[in-house]
């Protein structure tokens, strides 16, 4: 999938405009019908003319419903890139600072763990050096196929309010899904969005 995404980006860059819907559909059809590397793909294009969607294929091998512009896809760790990009943009605009404590941008009743008087900052979270674990201990998915479906902000904030950091903030890299979800929530709260 990455290869086709990059080909699409390269085509846009070379032409200085997005490919036509027919060209995108041909790429999607090739990926699904000839290469059998997926069963359904949707592409969203944003350009000077607005937004448009091109899709092809089905939900799954066992689910023949067609993929459309309103299909919800699990995008997994791609959200980490989006969160970091939004963080960088908000820093550039002067809306936040990398050294700001994340607690500054969360509801006042959310308690974020500290260690030796040091607060977890946005940069600590973005670089996976906050000291937070990969997942909260109260993460207990009911559906392994969609593990985050029943994960709520209340669960996250409840875990944070009782968690004790086991090492100094900034002392060690530890990949943390939770540590990237937290600045996503903080930035959304700062921007007045969900």
N, C-alpha and C. Protein backbone atom coordinates (compact mmCIF):
# COMPACT_ATOMS: atom_id res chain seq x y z
N UNK A 1 0.82 -1.19 0.00
CA UNK A 1 0.00 0.00 0.00
C UNK A 1 0.87 1.25 0.00
N UNK A 2 1.95 1.24 0.78
CA UNK A 2 2.81 2.42 0.85
C UNK A 2 3.34 2.79 -0.52
N UNK A 3 3.73 1.79 -1.30
CA UNK A 3 4.31 2.04 -2.62
C UNK A 3 3.31 2.83 -3.47
N UNK A 4 2.04 2.44 -3.46
CA UNK A 4 1.05 3.13 -4.29
C UNK A 4 0.76 4.52 -3.76
N UNK A 5 0.77 4.66 -2.46
CA UNK A 5 0.57 5.98 -1.87
C UNK A 5 1.67 6.93 -2.34
N UNK A 6 2.92 6.44 -2.30
CA UNK A 6 4.05 7.27 -2.72
C UNK A 6 4.01 7.54 -4.21
N UNK A 7 3.56 6.57 -5.00
CA UNK A 7 3.41 6.79 -6.44
C UNK A 7 2.37 7.88 -6.70
N UNK A 8 1.27 7.84 -5.93
CA UNK A 8 0.24 8.84 -6.07
C UNK A 8 0.79 10.21 -5.70
N UNK A 9 1.54 10.29 -4.60
CA UNK A 9 2.14 11.56 -4.20
C UNK A 9 3.13 12.05 -5.26
N UNK A 10 3.93 11.14 -5.82
CA UNK A 10 4.90 11.51 -6.85
C UNK A 10 4.18 12.04 -8.08
N UNK A 11 3.08 11.39 -8.46
CA UNK A 11 2.32 11.84 -9.62
C UNK A 11 1.77 13.24 -9.39
N UNK A 12 1.29 13.49 -8.20
CA UNK A 12 0.76 14.82 -7.88
C UNK A 12 1.89 15.85 -7.94
N UNK A 13 3.04 15.52 -7.36
CA UNK A 13 4.17 16.45 -7.34
C UNK A 13 4.66 16.77 -8.74
N UNK A 14 4.75 15.76 -9.60
CA UNK A 14 5.25 15.96 -10.96
C UNK A 14 4.28 16.78 -11.80
N UNK A 15 3.01 16.56 -11.60
CA UNK A 15 2.01 17.25 -12.40
C UNK A 15 1.57 18.57 -11.79
N UNK A 16 1.93 18.79 -10.54
CA UNK A 16 1.51 19.97 -9.78
C UNK A 16 -0.01 20.02 -9.65
N UNK A 17 -0.66 18.89 -9.87
CA UNK A 17 -2.10 18.79 -9.65
C UNK A 17 -2.44 17.33 -9.38
N UNK A 18 -3.54 17.13 -8.76
CA UNK A 18 -3.95 15.76 -8.43
C UNK A 18 -4.37 15.02 -9.68
N UNK A 19 -4.14 13.70 -9.71
CA UNK A 19 -4.61 12.89 -10.83
C UNK A 19 -6.14 12.94 -10.90
N UNK A 20 -6.66 12.58 -12.05
CA UNK A 20 -8.11 12.54 -12.22
C UNK A 20 -8.69 11.38 -11.41
N UNK A 21 -9.99 11.43 -11.21
CA UNK A 21 -10.65 10.33 -10.51
C UNK A 21 -10.44 9.02 -11.26
N UNK A 22 -10.49 9.05 -12.59
CA UNK A 22 -10.30 7.84 -13.38
C UNK A 22 -8.89 7.27 -13.19
N UNK A 23 -7.89 8.13 -13.11
CA UNK A 23 -6.52 7.66 -12.89
C UNK A 23 -6.36 7.03 -11.51
N UNK A 24 -6.95 7.64 -10.52
CA UNK A 24 -6.87 7.10 -9.16
C UNK A 24 -7.63 5.77 -9.09
N UNK A 25 -8.79 5.73 -9.68
CA UNK A 25 -9.59 4.49 -9.68
C UNK A 25 -8.81 3.35 -10.35
N UNK A 26 -8.09 3.64 -11.42
CA UNK A 26 -7.29 2.63 -12.11
C UNK A 26 -6.20 2.08 -11.19
N UNK A 27 -5.59 2.95 -10.40
CA UNK A 27 -4.57 2.51 -9.43
C UNK A 27 -5.21 1.59 -8.39
N UNK A 28 -6.37 1.98 -7.88
CA UNK A 28 -7.05 1.18 -6.86
C UNK A 28 -7.49 -0.17 -7.43
N UNK A 29 -8.01 -0.17 -8.64
CA UNK A 29 -8.45 -1.41 -9.27
C UNK A 29 -7.26 -2.36 -9.48
N UNK A 30 -6.14 -1.82 -9.92
CA UNK A 30 -4.95 -2.63 -10.13
C UNK A 30 -4.50 -3.27 -8.82
N UNK A 31 -4.48 -2.49 -7.78
CA UNK A 31 -4.06 -2.99 -6.46
C UNK A 31 -4.96 -4.12 -5.97
N UNK A 32 -6.26 -3.99 -6.19
CA UNK A 32 -7.21 -4.98 -5.68
C UNK A 32 -7.41 -6.14 -6.65
N UNK A 33 -7.71 -5.85 -7.91
CA UNK A 33 -8.07 -6.90 -8.86
C UNK A 33 -6.88 -7.67 -9.42
N UNK A 34 -5.79 -7.00 -9.68
CA UNK A 34 -4.63 -7.67 -10.31
C UNK A 34 -3.60 -8.14 -9.28
N UNK A 35 -3.32 -7.31 -8.30
CA UNK A 35 -2.27 -7.65 -7.34
C UNK A 35 -2.81 -8.36 -6.11
N UNK A 36 -4.11 -8.30 -5.90
CA UNK A 36 -4.77 -8.97 -4.77
C UNK A 36 -4.09 -8.60 -3.44
N UNK A 37 -3.78 -7.34 -3.28
CA UNK A 37 -3.11 -6.88 -2.06
C UNK A 37 -4.05 -6.18 -1.10
N UNK A 38 -5.31 -6.07 -1.46
CA UNK A 38 -6.30 -5.48 -0.58
C UNK A 38 -7.67 -5.82 -1.13
N UNK A 39 -8.71 -5.55 -0.36
CA UNK A 39 -10.06 -5.81 -0.84
C UNK A 39 -10.87 -4.53 -1.01
N UNK A 40 -10.46 -3.46 -0.38
CA UNK A 40 -11.16 -2.19 -0.49
C UNK A 40 -10.27 -1.03 -0.10
N UNK A 41 -10.27 0.01 -0.92
CA UNK A 41 -9.44 1.19 -0.66
C UNK A 41 -10.26 2.43 -0.98
N UNK A 42 -10.08 3.47 -0.18
CA UNK A 42 -10.68 4.77 -0.46
C UNK A 42 -9.56 5.81 -0.45
N UNK A 43 -9.61 6.73 -1.39
CA UNK A 43 -8.63 7.81 -1.46
C UNK A 43 -9.36 9.13 -1.34
N UNK A 44 -8.83 10.00 -0.50
CA UNK A 44 -9.36 11.34 -0.35
C UNK A 44 -8.38 12.32 -0.95
N UNK A 45 -8.87 13.24 -1.75
CA UNK A 45 -8.01 14.23 -2.40
C UNK A 45 -8.50 15.61 -2.00
N UNK A 46 -7.56 16.43 -1.54
CA UNK A 46 -7.87 17.82 -1.21
C UNK A 46 -6.96 18.67 -2.08
N UNK A 47 -7.56 19.53 -2.88
CA UNK A 47 -6.76 20.43 -3.72
C UNK A 47 -7.47 21.77 -3.80
N UNK A 48 -7.01 22.63 -4.69
CA UNK A 48 -7.58 23.97 -4.82
C UNK A 48 -9.06 23.94 -5.19
N UNK A 49 -9.51 22.84 -5.75
CA UNK A 49 -10.91 22.72 -6.16
C UNK A 49 -11.81 22.16 -5.07
N UNK A 50 -11.24 21.80 -3.93
CA UNK A 50 -12.03 21.26 -2.83
C UNK A 50 -11.65 19.84 -2.51
N UNK A 51 -12.63 19.09 -1.97
CA UNK A 51 -12.40 17.69 -1.57
C UNK A 51 -13.16 16.76 -2.49
N UNK A 52 -12.53 15.61 -2.75
CA UNK A 52 -13.21 14.58 -3.51
C UNK A 52 -12.71 13.22 -3.05
N UNK A 53 -13.50 12.20 -3.34
CA UNK A 53 -13.20 10.85 -2.90
C UNK A 53 -13.31 9.89 -4.06
N UNK A 54 -12.40 8.92 -4.07
CA UNK A 54 -12.46 7.84 -5.04
C UNK A 54 -12.28 6.56 -4.25
N UNK A 55 -13.15 5.60 -4.49
CA UNK A 55 -13.04 4.34 -3.75
C UNK A 55 -13.31 3.17 -4.69
N UNK A 56 -12.84 2.01 -4.23
CA UNK A 56 -13.04 0.81 -5.01
C UNK A 56 -12.92 -0.40 -4.09
N UNK A 57 -13.72 -1.40 -4.32
CA UNK A 57 -13.63 -2.64 -3.56
C UNK A 57 -14.68 -2.77 -2.48
N UNK A 58 -14.47 -3.75 -1.61
CA UNK A 58 -15.44 -4.11 -0.58
C UNK A 58 -14.85 -3.98 0.82
N UNK A 59 -15.73 -4.06 1.81
CA UNK A 59 -15.31 -4.00 3.21
C UNK A 59 -14.31 -5.10 3.54
N UNK A 60 -14.62 -6.33 3.12
CA UNK A 60 -13.73 -7.46 3.39
C UNK A 60 -14.09 -8.60 2.46
N UNK A 61 -13.31 -9.66 2.52
CA UNK A 61 -13.58 -10.84 1.70
C UNK A 61 -14.96 -11.39 2.04
N UNK A 62 -15.35 -11.33 3.29
CA UNK A 62 -16.62 -11.89 3.74
C UNK A 62 -17.75 -10.85 3.78
N UNK A 63 -17.43 -9.60 3.50
CA UNK A 63 -18.43 -8.53 3.57
C UNK A 63 -18.44 -7.79 2.24
N UNK A 64 -19.42 -8.08 1.36
CA UNK A 64 -19.42 -7.51 0.02
C UNK A 64 -19.88 -6.05 -0.10
N UNK A 65 -20.17 -5.42 1.05
CA UNK A 65 -20.59 -4.02 0.95
C UNK A 65 -19.47 -3.20 0.31
N UNK A 66 -19.82 -2.31 -0.62
CA UNK A 66 -18.79 -1.52 -1.28
C UNK A 66 -18.20 -0.45 -0.35
N UNK A 67 -16.90 -0.23 -0.49
CA UNK A 67 -16.22 0.85 0.23
C UNK A 67 -16.66 2.16 -0.40
N UNK A 68 -16.93 3.15 0.45
CA UNK A 68 -17.36 4.46 -0.05
C UNK A 68 -16.66 5.59 0.67
N UNK A 69 -17.09 6.81 0.37
CA UNK A 69 -16.43 7.96 0.98
C UNK A 69 -16.78 8.14 2.46
N UNK A 70 -17.72 7.37 2.97
CA UNK A 70 -18.06 7.45 4.38
C UNK A 70 -17.62 6.21 5.16
N UNK A 71 -16.84 5.33 4.51
CA UNK A 71 -16.34 4.13 5.18
C UNK A 71 -15.30 4.53 6.23
N UNK A 72 -15.41 3.95 7.40
CA UNK A 72 -14.46 4.22 8.47
C UNK A 72 -13.37 3.14 8.43
N UNK A 73 -12.13 3.57 8.33
CA UNK A 73 -10.98 2.66 8.30
C UNK A 73 -10.18 2.82 9.59
N UNK A 74 -9.66 1.72 10.09
CA UNK A 74 -8.70 1.80 11.18
C UNK A 74 -7.35 2.18 10.60
N UNK A 75 -6.79 3.30 11.00
CA UNK A 75 -5.54 3.75 10.42
C UNK A 75 -4.35 3.57 11.35
N UNK A 76 -4.61 2.99 12.53
CA UNK A 76 -3.53 2.61 13.43
C UNK A 76 -2.52 3.72 13.70
N UNK A 77 -1.27 3.36 13.62
CA UNK A 77 -0.19 4.27 14.01
C UNK A 77 0.00 5.45 13.08
N UNK A 78 -0.73 5.49 11.97
CA UNK A 78 -0.67 6.68 11.11
C UNK A 78 -1.10 7.91 11.89
N UNK A 79 -1.96 7.74 12.88
CA UNK A 79 -2.40 8.88 13.68
C UNK A 79 -1.24 9.53 14.42
N UNK A 80 -0.19 8.77 14.71
CA UNK A 80 0.97 9.35 15.39
C UNK A 80 1.63 10.41 14.51
N UNK A 81 1.69 10.15 13.22
CA UNK A 81 2.26 11.13 12.28
C UNK A 81 1.37 12.36 12.23
N UNK A 82 0.06 12.16 12.16
CA UNK A 82 -0.86 13.29 12.14
C UNK A 82 -0.73 14.13 13.41
N UNK A 83 -0.67 13.46 14.55
CA UNK A 83 -0.55 14.17 15.82
C UNK A 83 0.73 15.00 15.86
N UNK A 84 1.84 14.41 15.44
CA UNK A 84 3.11 15.14 15.44
C UNK A 84 3.09 16.31 14.46
N UNK A 85 2.44 16.12 13.33
CA UNK A 85 2.33 17.20 12.34
C UNK A 85 1.49 18.35 12.89
N UNK A 86 0.40 18.01 13.54
CA UNK A 86 -0.45 19.05 14.14
C UNK A 86 0.31 19.76 15.26
N UNK A 87 1.04 19.00 16.07
CA UNK A 87 1.85 19.61 17.12
C UNK A 87 2.85 20.60 16.52
N UNK A 88 3.57 20.18 15.49
CA UNK A 88 4.56 21.06 14.84
C UNK A 88 3.89 22.33 14.30
N UNK A 89 2.73 22.17 13.69
CA UNK A 89 2.00 23.31 13.14
C UNK A 89 1.58 24.27 14.25
N UNK A 90 1.07 23.72 15.35
CA UNK A 90 0.62 24.57 16.45
C UNK A 90 1.79 25.27 17.13
N UNK A 91 2.95 24.61 17.17
CA UNK A 91 4.16 25.26 17.71
C UNK A 91 4.55 26.41 16.80
N UNK A 92 4.58 26.17 15.49
CA UNK A 92 4.95 27.21 14.52
C UNK A 92 4.02 28.41 14.60
N UNK A 93 2.75 28.16 14.86
CA UNK A 93 1.77 29.25 14.96
C UNK A 93 1.83 29.96 16.32
N UNK A 94 2.61 29.42 17.24
CA UNK A 94 2.71 30.02 18.56
C UNK A 94 1.55 29.68 19.47
N UNK A 95 0.77 28.65 19.12
CA UNK A 95 -0.39 28.27 19.92
C UNK A 95 0.00 27.41 21.12
N UNK A 96 1.09 26.66 20.99
CA UNK A 96 1.62 25.85 22.09
C UNK A 96 3.15 25.89 22.00
N UNK A 97 3.80 25.43 23.05
CA UNK A 97 5.25 25.29 23.05
C UNK A 97 5.58 23.85 23.37
N UNK A 98 6.65 23.34 22.77
CA UNK A 98 7.04 21.95 23.03
C UNK A 98 7.33 21.71 24.51
N UNK A 99 7.77 22.73 25.21
CA UNK A 99 8.11 22.59 26.63
C UNK A 99 6.92 22.80 27.56
N UNK A 100 5.75 23.04 27.01
CA UNK A 100 4.56 23.20 27.84
C UNK A 100 4.18 21.86 28.48
N UNK A 101 3.79 21.90 29.75
CA UNK A 101 3.25 20.67 30.36
C UNK A 101 1.95 20.30 29.65
N UNK A 102 1.76 19.01 29.38
CA UNK A 102 0.55 18.57 28.70
C UNK A 102 -0.68 18.92 29.52
N UNK A 103 -0.53 18.94 30.83
CA UNK A 103 -1.66 19.25 31.71
C UNK A 103 -2.26 20.62 31.42
N UNK A 104 -1.45 21.53 30.89
CA UNK A 104 -1.91 22.88 30.57
C UNK A 104 -3.05 22.87 29.55
N UNK A 105 -3.10 21.84 28.73
CA UNK A 105 -4.07 21.78 27.64
C UNK A 105 -5.13 20.70 27.82
N UNK A 106 -5.26 20.21 29.02
CA UNK A 106 -6.28 19.21 29.33
C UNK A 106 -7.27 19.80 30.32
N UNK A 107 -8.45 19.21 30.45
CA UNK A 107 -9.39 19.70 31.45
C UNK A 107 -8.73 19.76 32.84
N UNK A 108 -9.12 20.74 33.63
CA UNK A 108 -8.48 20.98 34.94
C UNK A 108 -8.57 19.80 35.89
N UNK A 109 -9.58 18.96 35.73
CA UNK A 109 -9.74 17.83 36.65
C UNK A 109 -8.90 16.61 36.27
N UNK A 110 -8.15 16.68 35.17
CA UNK A 110 -7.30 15.57 34.75
C UNK A 110 -5.96 15.68 35.47
N UNK A 111 -5.61 14.63 36.19
CA UNK A 111 -4.35 14.61 36.93
C UNK A 111 -3.31 13.84 36.11
N UNK A 112 -2.21 14.50 35.77
CA UNK A 112 -1.13 13.89 35.01
C UNK A 112 0.01 13.57 35.98
N UNK A 113 0.56 12.35 35.91
CA UNK A 113 1.64 12.02 36.84
C UNK A 113 2.87 12.92 36.65
N UNK A 114 3.57 13.16 37.75
CA UNK A 114 4.81 13.93 37.75
C UNK A 114 5.88 13.10 38.45
N UNK A 115 7.12 13.51 38.30
CA UNK A 115 8.20 12.82 39.01
C UNK A 115 9.23 13.86 39.45
N UNK A 116 9.52 13.85 40.72
CA UNK A 116 10.48 14.79 41.31
C UNK A 116 10.18 16.23 40.91
N UNK A 117 8.90 16.56 40.90
CA UNK A 117 8.47 17.93 40.59
C UNK A 117 8.47 18.27 39.11
N UNK A 118 8.87 17.35 38.26
CA UNK A 118 8.88 17.62 36.81
C UNK A 118 7.59 17.13 36.18
N UNK A 119 7.00 17.97 35.34
CA UNK A 119 5.77 17.62 34.65
C UNK A 119 6.09 17.05 33.25
N UNK A 120 5.23 16.22 32.76
CA UNK A 120 5.35 15.68 31.41
C UNK A 120 4.98 16.78 30.41
N UNK A 121 5.88 17.03 29.46
CA UNK A 121 5.65 18.07 28.46
C UNK A 121 5.22 17.48 27.13
N UNK A 122 4.82 18.35 26.23
CA UNK A 122 4.43 17.90 24.90
C UNK A 122 5.60 17.23 24.18
N UNK A 123 6.81 17.74 24.34
CA UNK A 123 7.96 17.13 23.67
C UNK A 123 8.28 15.76 24.28
N UNK A 124 8.08 15.60 25.58
CA UNK A 124 8.29 14.29 26.20
C UNK A 124 7.36 13.25 25.58
N UNK A 125 6.12 13.65 25.35
CA UNK A 125 5.14 12.73 24.77
C UNK A 125 5.45 12.46 23.30
N UNK A 126 5.80 13.50 22.55
CA UNK A 126 6.08 13.34 21.12
C UNK A 126 7.31 12.48 20.86
N UNK A 127 8.24 12.46 21.79
CA UNK A 127 9.48 11.68 21.61
C UNK A 127 9.47 10.37 22.39
N UNK A 128 8.33 10.02 22.96
CA UNK A 128 8.18 8.76 23.71
C UNK A 128 9.17 8.68 24.88
N UNK A 129 9.38 9.79 25.56
CA UNK A 129 10.28 9.80 26.73
C UNK A 129 9.55 10.31 27.98
N UNK A 130 8.24 10.17 28.00
CA UNK A 130 7.44 10.69 29.11
C UNK A 130 7.51 9.82 30.36
N UNK A 131 7.90 8.55 30.18
CA UNK A 131 7.87 7.61 31.30
C UNK A 131 6.55 6.87 31.40
N UNK A 132 5.61 7.20 30.52
CA UNK A 132 4.33 6.49 30.51
C UNK A 132 4.50 5.15 29.79
N UNK A 133 3.77 4.14 30.22
CA UNK A 133 3.86 2.83 29.57
C UNK A 133 3.21 2.85 28.19
N UNK A 134 3.39 1.77 27.46
CA UNK A 134 2.82 1.64 26.12
C UNK A 134 1.30 1.80 26.15
N UNK A 135 0.65 1.11 27.07
CA UNK A 135 -0.81 1.15 27.19
C UNK A 135 -1.17 1.29 28.66
N UNK A 136 -2.33 1.89 28.96
CA UNK A 136 -2.76 1.96 30.35
C UNK A 136 -3.09 0.57 30.89
N UNK A 137 -2.89 0.36 32.17
CA UNK A 137 -3.15 -0.95 32.79
C UNK A 137 -4.63 -1.32 32.74
N UNK A 138 -5.52 -0.32 32.63
CA UNK A 138 -6.95 -0.61 32.57
C UNK A 138 -7.45 -0.81 31.14
N UNK A 139 -6.54 -1.02 30.20
CA UNK A 139 -6.88 -1.30 28.81
C UNK A 139 -7.21 -2.78 28.68
N UNK A 140 -8.48 -3.09 28.45
CA UNK A 140 -8.92 -4.48 28.36
C UNK A 140 -9.91 -4.61 27.20
N UNK A 141 -9.39 -4.69 25.97
CA UNK A 141 -10.27 -4.71 24.81
C UNK A 141 -11.19 -5.93 24.78
N UNK A 142 -12.43 -5.70 24.41
CA UNK A 142 -13.40 -6.78 24.26
C UNK A 142 -13.28 -7.46 22.90
N UNK A 143 -12.77 -6.69 21.91
CA UNK A 143 -12.67 -7.20 20.53
C UNK A 143 -11.24 -7.01 20.04
N UNK A 144 -10.49 -8.09 19.89
CA UNK A 144 -9.09 -7.98 19.46
C UNK A 144 -8.98 -7.46 18.03
N UNK A 145 -10.03 -7.59 17.25
CA UNK A 145 -10.03 -7.05 15.89
C UNK A 145 -10.19 -5.55 15.85
N UNK A 146 -10.70 -4.97 16.92
CA UNK A 146 -10.90 -3.53 17.03
C UNK A 146 -10.63 -3.14 18.48
N UNK A 147 -9.37 -3.25 18.91
CA UNK A 147 -9.06 -3.13 20.34
C UNK A 147 -9.34 -1.78 20.97
N UNK A 148 -9.41 -0.73 20.19
CA UNK A 148 -9.64 0.59 20.79
C UNK A 148 -11.11 1.00 20.80
N UNK A 149 -11.98 0.12 20.32
CA UNK A 149 -13.40 0.46 20.21
C UNK A 149 -14.01 0.83 21.56
N UNK A 150 -13.59 0.17 22.61
CA UNK A 150 -14.18 0.44 23.92
C UNK A 150 -13.24 1.23 24.84
N UNK A 151 -12.20 1.80 24.27
CA UNK A 151 -11.27 2.63 25.03
C UNK A 151 -11.82 4.05 25.07
N UNK A 152 -11.98 4.60 26.25
CA UNK A 152 -12.58 5.93 26.37
C UNK A 152 -11.60 6.90 27.02
N UNK A 153 -11.89 8.18 26.87
CA UNK A 153 -11.09 9.20 27.55
C UNK A 153 -11.20 9.03 29.06
N UNK A 154 -12.36 8.65 29.52
CA UNK A 154 -12.53 8.45 30.96
C UNK A 154 -11.57 7.36 31.46
N UNK A 155 -11.42 6.27 30.68
CA UNK A 155 -10.46 5.22 31.06
C UNK A 155 -9.04 5.77 31.10
N UNK A 156 -8.67 6.52 30.07
CA UNK A 156 -7.32 7.09 30.00
C UNK A 156 -7.06 8.02 31.18
N UNK A 157 -7.97 8.93 31.42
CA UNK A 157 -7.78 9.90 32.50
C UNK A 157 -7.80 9.21 33.87
N UNK A 158 -8.62 8.18 34.02
CA UNK A 158 -8.65 7.42 35.28
C UNK A 158 -7.30 6.76 35.53
N UNK A 159 -6.74 6.13 34.49
CA UNK A 159 -5.43 5.51 34.63
C UNK A 159 -4.37 6.53 35.01
N UNK A 160 -4.34 7.65 34.30
CA UNK A 160 -3.32 8.67 34.55
C UNK A 160 -3.39 9.21 35.98
N UNK A 161 -4.59 9.35 36.50
CA UNK A 161 -4.75 9.93 37.83
C UNK A 161 -4.18 9.06 38.94
N UNK A 162 -4.00 7.76 38.65
CA UNK A 162 -3.47 6.87 39.69
C UNK A 162 -2.09 6.30 39.36
N UNK A 163 -1.55 6.64 38.19
CA UNK A 163 -0.28 6.05 37.76
C UNK A 163 0.91 6.77 38.40
N UNK A 164 1.87 5.98 38.85
CA UNK A 164 3.12 6.52 39.39
C UNK A 164 4.24 6.21 38.40
N UNK A 165 4.92 7.24 37.94
CA UNK A 165 6.03 7.04 37.00
C UNK A 165 7.13 6.24 37.67
N UNK A 166 7.70 5.28 36.95
CA UNK A 166 8.73 4.41 37.50
C UNK A 166 10.15 4.87 37.17
N UNK A 167 10.26 5.91 36.37
CA UNK A 167 11.58 6.47 36.04
C UNK A 167 11.43 7.95 35.74
N UNK A 168 12.57 8.61 35.67
CA UNK A 168 12.56 10.05 35.41
C UNK A 168 12.04 10.36 34.01
N UNK A 169 11.28 11.43 33.92
CA UNK A 169 10.78 11.91 32.64
C UNK A 169 11.98 12.32 31.79
N UNK A 170 11.98 11.89 30.54
CA UNK A 170 13.05 12.25 29.62
C UNK A 170 14.28 11.37 29.69
N UNK A 171 14.30 10.39 30.59
CA UNK A 171 15.51 9.59 30.79
C UNK A 171 15.65 8.41 29.83
N UNK A 172 14.53 7.97 29.23
CA UNK A 172 14.60 6.76 28.41
C UNK A 172 13.46 6.76 27.40
N UNK A 173 13.75 6.27 26.20
CA UNK A 173 12.74 6.09 25.17
C UNK A 173 11.92 4.84 25.49
N UNK A 174 10.61 4.96 25.46
CA UNK A 174 9.72 3.80 25.56
C UNK A 174 8.49 4.09 24.72
N UNK A 175 8.34 3.31 23.65
CA UNK A 175 7.21 3.49 22.74
C UNK A 175 5.91 3.45 23.53
N UNK A 176 5.07 4.46 23.32
CA UNK A 176 3.85 4.56 24.11
C UNK A 176 2.68 5.03 23.25
N UNK A 177 1.76 4.11 22.95
CA UNK A 177 0.53 4.50 22.26
C UNK A 177 -0.23 5.53 23.09
N UNK A 178 -0.32 5.28 24.36
CA UNK A 178 -1.01 6.18 25.26
C UNK A 178 -0.33 7.55 25.28
N UNK A 179 1.00 7.54 25.24
CA UNK A 179 1.76 8.78 25.27
C UNK A 179 1.58 9.64 24.04
N UNK A 180 1.08 9.07 22.95
CA UNK A 180 0.78 9.86 21.75
C UNK A 180 -0.70 10.22 21.71
N UNK A 181 -1.54 9.39 22.29
CA UNK A 181 -2.96 9.71 22.36
C UNK A 181 -3.18 10.94 23.25
N UNK A 182 -2.38 11.05 24.28
CA UNK A 182 -2.54 12.15 25.24
C UNK A 182 -2.30 13.53 24.61
N UNK A 183 -1.21 13.75 23.86
CA UNK A 183 -1.08 15.07 23.24
C UNK A 183 -2.14 15.31 22.16
N UNK A 184 -2.61 14.23 21.51
CA UNK A 184 -3.70 14.40 20.57
C UNK A 184 -4.92 15.00 21.25
N UNK A 185 -5.25 14.49 22.42
CA UNK A 185 -6.37 15.02 23.19
C UNK A 185 -6.09 16.44 23.66
N UNK A 186 -4.85 16.68 24.10
CA UNK A 186 -4.48 18.00 24.60
C UNK A 186 -4.58 19.06 23.49
N UNK A 187 -4.07 18.70 22.31
CA UNK A 187 -4.09 19.66 21.19
C UNK A 187 -5.53 19.92 20.73
N UNK A 188 -6.33 18.87 20.71
CA UNK A 188 -7.74 19.06 20.34
C UNK A 188 -8.43 19.96 21.36
N UNK A 189 -8.17 19.74 22.64
CA UNK A 189 -8.76 20.57 23.70
C UNK A 189 -8.30 22.02 23.54
N UNK A 190 -7.03 22.21 23.26
CA UNK A 190 -6.48 23.56 23.07
C UNK A 190 -7.15 24.25 21.88
N UNK A 191 -7.44 23.48 20.83
CA UNK A 191 -8.05 24.03 19.62
C UNK A 191 -9.58 24.14 19.73
N UNK A 192 -10.14 23.64 20.84
CA UNK A 192 -11.58 23.69 21.02
C UNK A 192 -12.32 22.68 20.15
N UNK A 193 -11.66 21.54 19.89
CA UNK A 193 -12.25 20.50 19.05
C UNK A 193 -12.29 19.19 19.79
N UNK A 194 -13.05 18.21 19.26
CA UNK A 194 -13.01 16.89 19.86
C UNK A 194 -11.92 16.07 19.21
